[in-house]
Amino acid sequence: MGTNDLIKQGAKLVSSIDDTIEEFNLVTKPRRNRIKNVGGNPESCLAADEAALYSLISKDPVFLDDIIEKSNLEVSVASDMLLRLQLKKLIKQLPGVQFVKN
């Protein structure tokens, strides 16, 4: 009954960030400090700070604490960038707050 009531009230399916942007009529701004995409390298389409963080992650699991220590970033900043990298499907989070490249 709960989900049916939500549908009656006008709930909408959200299957991607685009659905949320469309629902709230959000306008996205182009990101600054982009590195130009050259040769299909995943790092080439990242902002400079994202590329630096991405370079700390490998195919072997890396703990969040190690990433923060090596990057000298605040936890909140590192977490935000890691989430952006996950949304871009460049990395994934494993149990135990570990990250690996896709």
PDB file of N, CA and C in Angstrom:
ATOM      1  N   MET A   1       0.811  -1.194   0.000  1.00  0.00           N
ATOM      2  CA  MET A   1       0.000   0.000   0.000  1.00  0.00           C
ATOM      3  C   MET A   1       0.859   1.263   0.000  1.00  0.00           C
ATOM      4  N   GLY A   2       1.990   1.212   0.684  1.00  0.00           N
ATOM      5  CA  GLY A   2       2.823   2.408   0.792  1.00  0.00           C
ATOM      6  C   GLY A   2       3.270   2.948  -0.550  1.00  0.00           C
ATOM      7  N   THR A   3       3.784   2.080  -1.403  1.00  0.00           N
ATOM      8  CA  THR A   3       4.251   2.559  -2.715  1.00  0.00           C
ATOM      9  C   THR A   3       3.078   2.988  -3.588  1.00  0.00           C
ATOM     10  N   ASN A   4       1.968   2.288  -3.493  1.00  0.00           N
ATOM     11  CA  ASN A   4       0.795   2.682  -4.271  1.00  0.00           C
ATOM     12  C   ASN A   4       0.305   4.063  -3.850  1.00  0.00           C
ATOM     13  N   ASP A   5       0.328   4.351  -2.551  1.00  0.00           N
ATOM     14  CA  ASP A   5      -0.066   5.676  -2.070  1.00  0.00           C
ATOM     15  C   ASP A   5       0.869   6.754  -2.601  1.00  0.00           C
ATOM     16  N   LEU A   6       2.166   6.448  -2.658  1.00  0.00           N
ATOM     17  CA  LEU A   6       3.123   7.419  -3.208  1.00  0.00           C
ATOM     18  C   LEU A   6       2.827   7.699  -4.681  1.00  0.00           C
ATOM     19  N   ILE A   7       2.500   6.664  -5.431  1.00  0.00           N
ATOM     20  CA  ILE A   7       2.173   6.844  -6.845  1.00  0.00           C
ATOM     21  C   ILE A   7       0.916   7.698  -6.985  1.00  0.00           C
ATOM     22  N   LYS A   8      -0.070   7.462  -6.141  1.00  0.00           N
ATOM     23  CA  LYS A   8      -1.299   8.273  -6.164  1.00  0.00           C
ATOM     24  C   LYS A   8      -0.997   9.741  -5.894  1.00  0.00           C
ATOM     25  N   GLN A   9      -0.017   9.982  -5.048  1.00  0.00           N
ATOM     26  CA  GLN A   9       0.337  11.357  -4.687  1.00  0.00           C
ATOM     27  C   GLN A   9       1.220  12.023  -5.741  1.00  0.00           C
ATOM     28  N   GLY A  10       1.579  11.278  -6.796  1.00  0.00           N
ATOM     29  CA  GLY A  10       2.359  11.874  -7.880  1.00  0.00           C
ATOM     30  C   GLY A  10       3.829  11.529  -7.872  1.00  0.00           C
ATOM     31  N   ALA A  11       4.210  10.491  -7.139  1.00  0.00           N
ATOM     32  CA  ALA A  11       5.618  10.084  -7.124  1.00  0.00           C
ATOM     33  C   ALA A  11       6.057   9.703  -8.533  1.00  0.00           C
ATOM     34  N   LYS A  12       7.327   9.956  -8.826  1.00  0.00           N
ATOM     35  CA  LYS A  12       7.869   9.642 -10.147  1.00  0.00           C
ATOM     36  C   LYS A  12       9.071   8.722 -10.012  1.00  0.00           C
ATOM     37  N   LEU A  13       9.261   7.915 -11.025  1.00  0.00           N
ATOM     38  CA  LEU A  13      10.397   7.007 -11.061  1.00  0.00           C
ATOM     39  C   LEU A  13      11.673   7.801 -11.321  1.00  0.00           C
ATOM     40  N   VAL A  14      12.707   7.524 -10.534  1.00  0.00           N
ATOM     41  CA  VAL A  14      14.011   8.139 -10.732  1.00  0.00           C
ATOM     42  C   VAL A  14      14.998   7.014 -10.985  1.00  0.00           C
ATOM     43  N   SER A  15      15.462   6.919 -12.223  1.00  0.00           N
ATOM     44  CA  SER A  15      16.406   5.861 -12.569  1.00  0.00           C
ATOM     45  C   SER A  15      17.803   6.399 -12.855  1.00  0.00           C
ATOM     46  N   SER A  16      17.925   7.726 -12.911  1.00  0.00           N
ATOM     47  CA  SER A  16      19.243   8.320 -13.120  1.00  0.00           C
ATOM     48  C   SER A  16      19.211   9.768 -12.637  1.00  0.00           C
ATOM     49  N   ILE A  17      20.359  10.382 -12.566  1.00  0.00           N
ATOM     50  CA  ILE A  17      20.461  11.778 -12.157  1.00  0.00           C
ATOM     51  C   ILE A  17      19.709  12.680 -13.121  1.00  0.00           C
ATOM     52  N   ASP A  18      19.624  12.288 -14.379  1.00  0.00           N
ATOM     53  CA  ASP A  18      18.907  13.090 -15.369  1.00  0.00           C
ATOM     54  C   ASP A  18      17.436  13.247 -14.999  1.00  0.00           C
ATOM     55  N   ASP A  19      16.830  12.204 -14.411  1.00  0.00           N
ATOM     56  CA  ASP A  19      15.435  12.282 -13.980  1.00  0.00           C
ATOM     57  C   ASP A  19      15.260  13.333 -12.890  1.00  0.00           C
ATOM     58  N   THR A  20      16.197  13.404 -11.968  1.00  0.00           N
ATOM     59  CA  THR A  20      16.134  14.395 -10.899  1.00  0.00           C
ATOM     60  C   THR A  20      16.323  15.803 -11.448  1.00  0.00           C
ATOM     61  N   ILE A  21      17.278  15.962 -12.337  1.00  0.00           N
ATOM     62  CA  ILE A  21      17.526  17.271 -12.953  1.00  0.00           C
ATOM     63  C   ILE A  21      16.282  17.736 -13.700  1.00  0.00           C
ATOM     64  N   GLU A  22      15.660  16.830 -14.435  1.00  0.00           N
ATOM     65  CA  GLU A  22      14.453  17.168 -15.189  1.00  0.00           C
ATOM     66  C   GLU A  22      13.297  17.531 -14.248  1.00  0.00           C
ATOM     67  N   GLU A  23      13.109  16.758 -13.197  1.00  0.00           N
ATOM     68  CA  GLU A  23      11.994  16.990 -12.265  1.00  0.00           C
ATOM     69  C   GLU A  23      12.080  18.350 -11.597  1.00  0.00           C
ATOM     70  N   PHE A  24      13.267  18.759 -11.205  1.00  0.00           N
ATOM     71  CA  PHE A  24      13.437  20.019 -10.497  1.00  0.00           C
ATOM     72  C   PHE A  24      13.849  21.168 -11.412  1.00  0.00           C
ATOM     73  N   ASN A  25      13.845  20.924 -12.731  1.00  0.00           N
ATOM     74  CA  ASN A  25      14.208  21.952 -13.713  1.00  0.00           C
ATOM     75  C   ASN A  25      15.550  22.603 -13.385  1.00  0.00           C
ATOM     76  N   LEU A  26      16.516  21.762 -13.025  1.00  0.00           N
ATOM     77  CA  LEU A  26      17.838  22.264 -12.675  1.00  0.00           C
ATOM     78  C   LEU A  26      18.641  22.523 -13.937  1.00  0.00           C
ATOM     79  N   VAL A  27      19.435  23.548 -13.893  1.00  0.00           N
ATOM     80  CA  VAL A  27      20.329  23.868 -14.994  1.00  0.00           C
ATOM     81  C   VAL A  27      21.727  23.523 -14.531  1.00  0.00           C
ATOM     82  N   THR A  28      22.412  22.696 -15.285  1.00  0.00           N
ATOM     83  CA  THR A  28      23.770  22.326 -14.902  1.00  0.00           C
ATOM     84  C   THR A  28      24.756  23.252 -15.591  1.00  0.00           C
ATOM     85  N   LYS A  29      25.792  23.593 -14.858  1.00  0.00           N
ATOM     86  CA  LYS A  29      26.848  24.450 -15.394  1.00  0.00           C
ATOM     87  C   LYS A  29      28.001  23.579 -15.845  1.00  0.00           C
ATOM     88  N   PRO A  30      28.687  23.975 -16.905  1.00  0.00           N
ATOM     89  CA  PRO A  30      29.884  23.217 -17.280  1.00  0.00           C
ATOM     90  C   PRO A  30      30.934  23.353 -16.189  1.00  0.00           C
ATOM     91  N   ARG A  31      31.653  22.278 -15.931  1.00  0.00           N
ATOM     92  CA  ARG A  31      32.684  22.281 -14.898  1.00  0.00           C
ATOM     93  C   ARG A  31      33.911  23.020 -15.386  1.00  0.00           C
ATOM     94  N   ARG A  32      34.517  23.767 -14.493  1.00  0.00           N
ATOM     95  CA  ARG A  32      35.772  24.447 -14.818  1.00  0.00           C
ATOM     96  C   ARG A  32      36.939  23.529 -14.501  1.00  0.00           C
ATOM     97  N   ASN A  33      38.093  23.905 -14.948  1.00  0.00           N
ATOM     98  CA  ASN A  33      39.329  23.159 -14.688  1.00  0.00           C
ATOM     99  C   ASN A  33      39.290  21.749 -15.257  1.00  0.00           C
ATOM    100  N   ARG A  34      38.587  21.549 -16.338  1.00  0.00           N
ATOM    101  CA  ARG A  34      38.558  20.237 -16.971  1.00  0.00           C
ATOM    102  C   ARG A  34      39.853  20.023 -17.739  1.00  0.00           C
ATOM    103  N   ILE A  35      40.315  18.819 -17.679  1.00  0.00           N
ATOM    104  CA  ILE A  35      41.450  18.430 -18.500  1.00  0.00           C
ATOM    105  C   ILE A  35      40.858  17.918 -19.798  1.00  0.00           C
ATOM    106  N   LYS A  36      41.378  18.336 -20.918  1.00  0.00           N
ATOM    107  CA  LYS A  36      40.812  17.922 -22.196  1.00  0.00           C
ATOM    108  C   LYS A  36      40.979  16.429 -22.405  1.00  0.00           C
ATOM    109  N   ASN A  37      39.950  15.809 -22.987  1.00  0.00           N
ATOM    110  CA  ASN A  37      39.960  14.373 -23.250  1.00  0.00           C
ATOM    111  C   ASN A  37      40.868  14.087 -24.439  1.00  0.00           C
ATOM    112  N   VAL A  38      41.938  13.362 -24.176  1.00  0.00           N
ATOM    113  CA  VAL A  38      42.890  13.027 -25.226  1.00  0.00           C
ATOM    114  C   VAL A  38      43.135  11.531 -25.208  1.00  0.00           C
ATOM    115  N   GLY A  39      42.781  10.849 -26.280  1.00  0.00           N
ATOM    116  CA  GLY A  39      43.137   9.449 -26.429  1.00  0.00           C
ATOM    117  C   GLY A  39      42.357   8.458 -25.596  1.00  0.00           C
ATOM    118  N   GLY A  40      41.216   8.800 -25.067  1.00  0.00           N
ATOM    119  CA  GLY A  40      40.390   7.835 -24.363  1.00  0.00           C
ATOM    120  C   GLY A  40      40.873   7.461 -22.968  1.00  0.00           C
ATOM    121  N   ASN A  41      41.832   8.149 -22.422  1.00  0.00           N
ATOM    122  CA  ASN A  41      42.308   7.897 -21.073  1.00  0.00           C
ATOM    123  C   ASN A  41      41.253   8.397 -20.091  1.00  0.00           C
ATOM    124  N   PRO A  42      40.778   7.557 -19.145  1.00  0.00           N
ATOM    125  CA  PRO A  42      39.728   8.001 -18.215  1.00  0.00           C
ATOM    126  C   PRO A  42      40.093   9.268 -17.455  1.00  0.00           C
ATOM    127  N   GLU A  43      41.352   9.420 -17.098  1.00  0.00           N
ATOM    128  CA  GLU A  43      41.770  10.601 -16.346  1.00  0.00           C
ATOM    129  C   GLU A  43      41.685  11.868 -17.178  1.00  0.00           C
ATOM    130  N   SER A  44      41.671  11.747 -18.498  1.00  0.00           N
ATOM    131  CA  SER A  44      41.721  12.928 -19.352  1.00  0.00           C
ATOM    132  C   SER A  44      40.428  13.727 -19.340  1.00  0.00           C
ATOM    133  N   CYS A  45      39.338  13.173 -18.842  1.00  0.00           N
ATOM    134  CA  CYS A  45      38.076  13.917 -18.796  1.00  0.00           C
ATOM    135  C   CYS A  45      37.729  14.370 -17.385  1.00  0.00           C
ATOM    136  N   LEU A  46      38.683  14.319 -16.485  1.00  0.00           N
ATOM    137  CA  LEU A  46      38.446  14.692 -15.094  1.00  0.00           C
ATOM    138  C   LEU A  46      38.987  16.078 -14.798  1.00  0.00           C
ATOM    139  N   ALA A  47      38.395  16.703 -13.787  1.00  0.00           N
ATOM    140  CA  ALA A  47      38.969  17.934 -13.266  1.00  0.00           C
ATOM    141  C   ALA A  47      40.324  17.586 -12.652  1.00  0.00           C
ATOM    142  N   ALA A  48      41.176  18.562 -12.520  1.00  0.00           N
ATOM    143  CA  ALA A  48      42.534  18.319 -12.032  1.00  0.00           C
ATOM    144  C   ALA A  48      42.545  17.658 -10.653  1.00  0.00           C
ATOM    145  N   ASP A  49      41.680  18.121  -9.750  1.00  0.00           N
ATOM    146  CA  ASP A  49      41.646  17.535  -8.412  1.00  0.00           C
ATOM    147  C   ASP A  49      41.133  16.096  -8.444  1.00  0.00           C
ATOM    148  N   GLU A  50      40.155  15.813  -9.313  1.00  0.00           N
ATOM    149  CA  GLU A  50      39.645  14.447  -9.454  1.00  0.00           C
ATOM    150  C   GLU A  50      40.719  13.527 -10.026  1.00  0.00           C
ATOM    151  N   ALA A  51      41.461  14.016 -11.008  1.00  0.00           N
ATOM    152  CA  ALA A  51      42.513  13.211 -11.625  1.00  0.00           C
ATOM    153  C   ALA A  51      43.601  12.859 -10.609  1.00  0.00           C
ATOM    154  N   ALA A  52      43.937  13.801  -9.739  1.00  0.00           N
ATOM    155  CA  ALA A  52      44.952  13.542  -8.716  1.00  0.00           C
ATOM    156  C   ALA A  52      44.472  12.457  -7.754  1.00  0.00           C
ATOM    157  N   LEU A  53      43.206  12.532  -7.354  1.00  0.00           N
ATOM    158  CA  LEU A  53      42.660  11.522  -6.446  1.00  0.00           C
ATOM    159  C   LEU A  53      42.535  10.177  -7.151  1.00  0.00           C
ATOM    160  N   TYR A  54      42.091  10.194  -8.401  1.00  0.00           N
ATOM    161  CA  TYR A  54      41.931   8.960  -9.182  1.00  0.00           C
ATOM    162  C   TYR A  54      43.265   8.228  -9.325  1.00  0.00           C
ATOM    163  N   SER A  55      44.345   8.966  -9.432  1.00  0.00           N
ATOM    164  CA  SER A  55      45.663   8.340  -9.598  1.00  0.00           C
ATOM    165  C   SER A  55      46.103   7.580  -8.344  1.00  0.00           C
ATOM    166  N   LEU A  56      45.498   7.865  -7.202  1.00  0.00           N
ATOM    167  CA  LEU A  56      45.835   7.167  -5.958  1.00  0.00           C
ATOM    168  C   LEU A  56      45.138   5.815  -5.832  1.00  0.00           C
ATOM    169  N   ILE A  57      44.180   5.559  -6.717  1.00  0.00           N
ATOM    170  CA  ILE A  57      43.386   4.330  -6.652  1.00  0.00           C
ATOM    171  C   ILE A  57      43.882   3.382  -7.728  1.00  0.00           C
ATOM    172  N   SER A  58      43.928   2.097  -7.398  1.00  0.00           N
ATOM    173  CA  SER A  58      44.410   1.098  -8.348  1.00  0.00           C
ATOM    174  C   SER A  58      43.391  -0.025  -8.478  1.00  0.00           C
ATOM    175  N   LYS A  59      43.775  -1.085  -9.156  1.00  0.00           N
ATOM    176  CA  LYS A  59      42.922  -2.268  -9.280  1.00  0.00           C
ATOM    177  C   LYS A  59      42.887  -3.063  -7.977  1.00  0.00           C
ATOM    178  N   ASP A  60      43.848  -2.789  -7.102  1.00  0.00           N
ATOM    179  CA  ASP A  60      43.863  -3.400  -5.772  1.00  0.00           C
ATOM    180  C   ASP A  60      43.111  -2.478  -4.814  1.00  0.00           C
ATOM    181  N   PRO A  61      42.320  -3.036  -3.897  1.00  0.00           N
ATOM    182  CA  PRO A  61      41.542  -2.202  -2.975  1.00  0.00           C
ATOM    183  C   PRO A  61      42.410  -1.245  -2.158  1.00  0.00           C
ATOM    184  N   VAL A  62      41.937  -0.002  -2.043  1.00  0.00           N
ATOM    185  CA  VAL A  62      42.622   1.031  -1.264  1.00  0.00           C
ATOM    186  C   VAL A  62      41.621   1.569  -0.245  1.00  0.00           C
ATOM    187  N   PHE A  63      42.017   1.595   1.031  1.00  0.00           N
ATOM    188  CA  PHE A  63      41.147   2.091   2.086  1.00  0.00           C
ATOM    189  C   PHE A  63      40.985   3.604   2.002  1.00  0.00           C
ATOM    190  N   LEU A  64      39.827   4.075   2.419  1.00  0.00           N
ATOM    191  CA  LEU A  64      39.544   5.514   2.442  1.00  0.00           C
ATOM    192  C   LEU A  64      40.592   6.254   3.270  1.00  0.00           C
ATOM    193  N   ASP A  65      40.958   5.707   4.406  1.00  0.00           N
ATOM    194  CA  ASP A  65      41.964   6.364   5.259  1.00  0.00           C
ATOM    195  C   ASP A  65      43.282   6.553   4.524  1.00  0.00           C
ATOM    196  N   ASP A  66      43.685   5.568   3.727  1.00  0.00           N
ATOM    197  CA  ASP A  66      44.934   5.684   2.965  1.00  0.00           C
ATOM    198  C   ASP A  66      44.823   6.753   1.881  1.00  0.00           C
ATOM    199  N   ILE A  67      43.651   6.818   1.245  1.00  0.00           N
ATOM    200  CA  ILE A  67      43.432   7.839   0.216  1.00  0.00           C
ATOM    201  C   ILE A  67      43.514   9.231   0.832  1.00  0.00           C
ATOM    202  N   ILE A  68      42.884   9.412   1.983  1.00  0.00           N
ATOM    203  CA  ILE A  68      42.892  10.715   2.656  1.00  0.00           C
ATOM    204  C   ILE A  68      44.306  11.094   3.081  1.00  0.00           C
ATOM    205  N   GLU A  69      45.027  10.122   3.618  1.00  0.00           N
ATOM    206  CA  GLU A  69      46.404  10.387   4.059  1.00  0.00           C
ATOM    207  C   GLU A  69      47.301  10.792   2.888  1.00  0.00           C
ATOM    208  N   LYS A  70      47.205  10.078   1.779  1.00  0.00           N
ATOM    209  CA  LYS A  70      48.062  10.359   0.618  1.00  0.00           C
ATOM    210  C   LYS A  70      47.671  11.648  -0.101  1.00  0.00           C
ATOM    211  N   SER A  71      46.375  11.982  -0.071  1.00  0.00           N
ATOM    212  CA  SER A  71      45.915  13.152  -0.816  1.00  0.00           C
ATOM    213  C   SER A  71      45.963  14.439   0.006  1.00  0.00           C
ATOM    214  N   ASN A  72      46.065  14.321   1.336  1.00  0.00           N
ATOM    215  CA  ASN A  72      46.032  15.477   2.233  1.00  0.00           C
ATOM    216  C   ASN A  72      44.739  16.279   2.100  1.00  0.00           C
ATOM    217  N   LEU A  73      43.652  15.594   1.757  1.00  0.00           N
ATOM    218  CA  LEU A  73      42.352  16.254   1.640  1.00  0.00           C
ATOM    219  C   LEU A  73      41.540  16.034   2.913  1.00  0.00           C
ATOM    220  N   GLU A  74      40.606  16.944   3.155  1.00  0.00           N
ATOM    221  CA  GLU A  74      39.649  16.751   4.238  1.00  0.00           C
ATOM    222  C   GLU A  74      38.770  15.554   3.887  1.00  0.00           C
ATOM    223  N   VAL A  75      38.250  14.877   4.893  1.00  0.00           N
ATOM    224  CA  VAL A  75      37.404  13.705   4.674  1.00  0.00           C
ATOM    225  C   VAL A  75      36.209  14.053   3.797  1.00  0.00           C
ATOM    226  N   SER A  76      35.564  15.182   4.068  1.00  0.00           N
ATOM    227  CA  SER A  76      34.372  15.560   3.310  1.00  0.00           C
ATOM    228  C   SER A  76      34.701  15.835   1.845  1.00  0.00           C
ATOM    229  N   VAL A  77      35.831  16.453   1.581  1.00  0.00           N
ATOM    230  CA  VAL A  77      36.238  16.763   0.207  1.00  0.00           C
ATOM    231  C   VAL A  77      36.577  15.473  -0.539  1.00  0.00           C
ATOM    232  N   ALA A  78      37.351  14.611   0.103  1.00  0.00           N
ATOM    233  CA  ALA A  78      37.727  13.339  -0.516  1.00  0.00           C
ATOM    234  C   ALA A  78      36.492  12.482  -0.783  1.00  0.00           C
ATOM    235  N   SER A  79      35.574  12.443   0.177  1.00  0.00           N
ATOM    236  CA  SER A  79      34.348  11.655   0.007  1.00  0.00           C
ATOM    237  C   SER A  79      33.515  12.170  -1.159  1.00  0.00           C
ATOM    238  N   ASP A  80      33.428  13.480  -1.277  1.00  0.00           N
ATOM    239  CA  ASP A  80      32.690  14.087  -2.387  1.00  0.00           C
ATOM    240  C   ASP A  80      33.316  13.704  -3.730  1.00  0.00           C
ATOM    241  N   MET A  81      34.624  13.806  -3.826  1.00  0.00           N
ATOM    242  CA  MET A  81      35.297  13.471  -5.085  1.00  0.00           C
ATOM    243  C   MET A  81      35.186  11.981  -5.389  1.00  0.00           C
ATOM    244  N   LEU A  82      35.274  11.145  -4.374  1.00  0.00           N
ATOM    245  CA  LEU A  82      35.133   9.697  -4.583  1.00  0.00           C
ATOM    246  C   LEU A  82      33.731   9.366  -5.083  1.00  0.00           C
ATOM    247  N   LEU A  83      32.735  10.043  -4.559  1.00  0.00           N
ATOM    248  CA  LEU A  83      31.374   9.829  -5.032  1.00  0.00           C
ATOM    249  C   LEU A  83      31.242  10.245  -6.491  1.00  0.00           C
ATOM    250  N   ARG A  84      31.843  11.381  -6.851  1.00  0.00           N
ATOM    251  CA  ARG A  84      31.804  11.822  -8.260  1.00  0.00           C
ATOM    252  C   ARG A  84      32.478  10.807  -9.177  1.00  0.00           C
ATOM    253  N   LEU A  85      33.589  10.238  -8.738  1.00  0.00           N
ATOM    254  CA  LEU A  85      34.275   9.220  -9.540  1.00  0.00           C
ATOM    255  C   LEU A  85      33.425   7.957  -9.667  1.00  0.00           C
ATOM    256  N   GLN A  86      32.684   7.625  -8.603  1.00  0.00           N
ATOM    257  CA  GLN A  86      31.784   6.470  -8.667  1.00  0.00           C
ATOM    258  C   GLN A  86      30.642   6.732  -9.639  1.00  0.00           C
ATOM    259  N   LEU A  87      30.089   7.934  -9.611  1.00  0.00           N
ATOM    260  CA  LEU A  87      28.994   8.279 -10.518  1.00  0.00           C
ATOM    261  C   LEU A  87      29.451   8.269 -11.973  1.00  0.00           C
ATOM    262  N   LYS A  88      30.720   8.561 -12.184  1.00  0.00           N
ATOM    263  CA  LYS A  88      31.292   8.510 -13.539  1.00  0.00           C
ATOM    264  C   LYS A  88      31.701   7.092 -13.915  1.00  0.00           C
ATOM    265  N   LYS A  89      31.472   6.147 -12.988  1.00  0.00           N
ATOM    266  CA  LYS A  89      31.764   4.729 -13.189  1.00  0.00           C
ATOM    267  C   LYS A  89      33.247   4.457 -13.444  1.00  0.00           C
ATOM    268  N   LEU A  90      34.101   5.268 -12.828  1.00  0.00           N
ATOM    269  CA  LEU A  90      35.544   5.069 -12.946  1.00  0.00           C
ATOM    270  C   LEU A  90      36.085   4.225 -11.796  1.00  0.00           C
ATOM    271  N   ILE A  91      35.406   4.301 -10.647  1.00  0.00           N
ATOM    272  CA  ILE A  91      35.806   3.511  -9.489  1.00  0.00           C
ATOM    273  C   ILE A  91      34.561   2.894  -8.877  1.00  0.00           C
ATOM    274  N   LYS A  92      34.783   1.935  -7.977  1.00  0.00           N
ATOM    275  CA  LYS A  92      33.661   1.402  -7.209  1.00  0.00           C
ATOM    276  C   LYS A  92      34.109   1.207  -5.772  1.00  0.00           C
ATOM    277  N   GLN A  93      33.127   1.285  -4.881  1.00  0.00           N
ATOM    278  CA  GLN A  93      33.407   1.104  -3.456  1.00  0.00           C
ATOM    279  C   GLN A  93      33.150  -0.342  -3.085  1.00  0.00           C
ATOM    280  N   LEU A  94      34.076  -0.897  -2.308  1.00  0.00           N
ATOM    281  CA  LEU A  94      33.958  -2.257  -1.801  1.00  0.00           C
ATOM    282  C   LEU A  94      33.619  -2.206  -0.315  1.00  0.00           C
ATOM    283  N   PRO A  95      33.198  -3.327   0.244  1.00  0.00           N
ATOM    284  CA  PRO A  95      32.951  -3.359   1.692  1.00  0.00           C
ATOM    285  C   PRO A  95      34.198  -2.933   2.461  1.00  0.00           C
ATOM    286  N   GLY A  96      33.974  -2.304   3.605  1.00  0.00           N
ATOM    287  CA  GLY A  96      35.102  -1.849   4.416  1.00  0.00           C
ATOM    288  C   GLY A  96      35.635  -0.497   3.972  1.00  0.00           C
ATOM    289  N   VAL A  97      34.866   0.246   3.220  1.00  0.00           N
ATOM    290  CA  VAL A  97      35.231   1.567   2.703  1.00  0.00           C
ATOM    291  C   VAL A  97      36.551   1.498   1.949  1.00  0.00           C
ATOM    292  N   GLN A  98      36.608   0.596   0.997  1.00  0.00           N
ATOM    293  CA  GLN A  98      37.751   0.447   0.108  1.00  0.00           C
ATOM    294  C   GLN A  98      37.296   0.796  -1.303  1.00  0.00           C
ATOM    295  N   PHE A  99      38.228   1.270  -2.120  1.00  0.00           N
ATOM    296  CA  PHE A  99      37.912   1.675  -3.488  1.00  0.00           C
ATOM    297  C   PHE A  99      38.863   1.013  -4.460  1.00  0.00           C
ATOM    298  N   VAL A 100      38.338   0.686  -5.649  1.00  0.00           N
ATOM    299  CA  VAL A 100      39.140   0.125  -6.729  1.00  0.00           C
ATOM    300  C   VAL A 100      38.723   0.779  -8.043  1.00  0.00           C
ATOM    301  N   LYS A 101      39.642   0.790  -8.993  1.00  0.00           N
ATOM    302  CA  LYS A 101      39.296   1.262 -10.339  1.00  0.00           C
ATOM    303  C   LYS A 101      38.444   0.219 -11.032  1.00  0.00           C
ATOM    304  N   ASN A 102      37.498   0.670 -11.822  1.00  0.00           N
ATOM    305  CA  ASN A 102      36.681  -0.248 -12.634  1.00  0.00           C
ATOM    306  C   ASN A 102      37.467  -0.765 -13.801  1.00  0.00           C
TER     307      ASN A 102
END
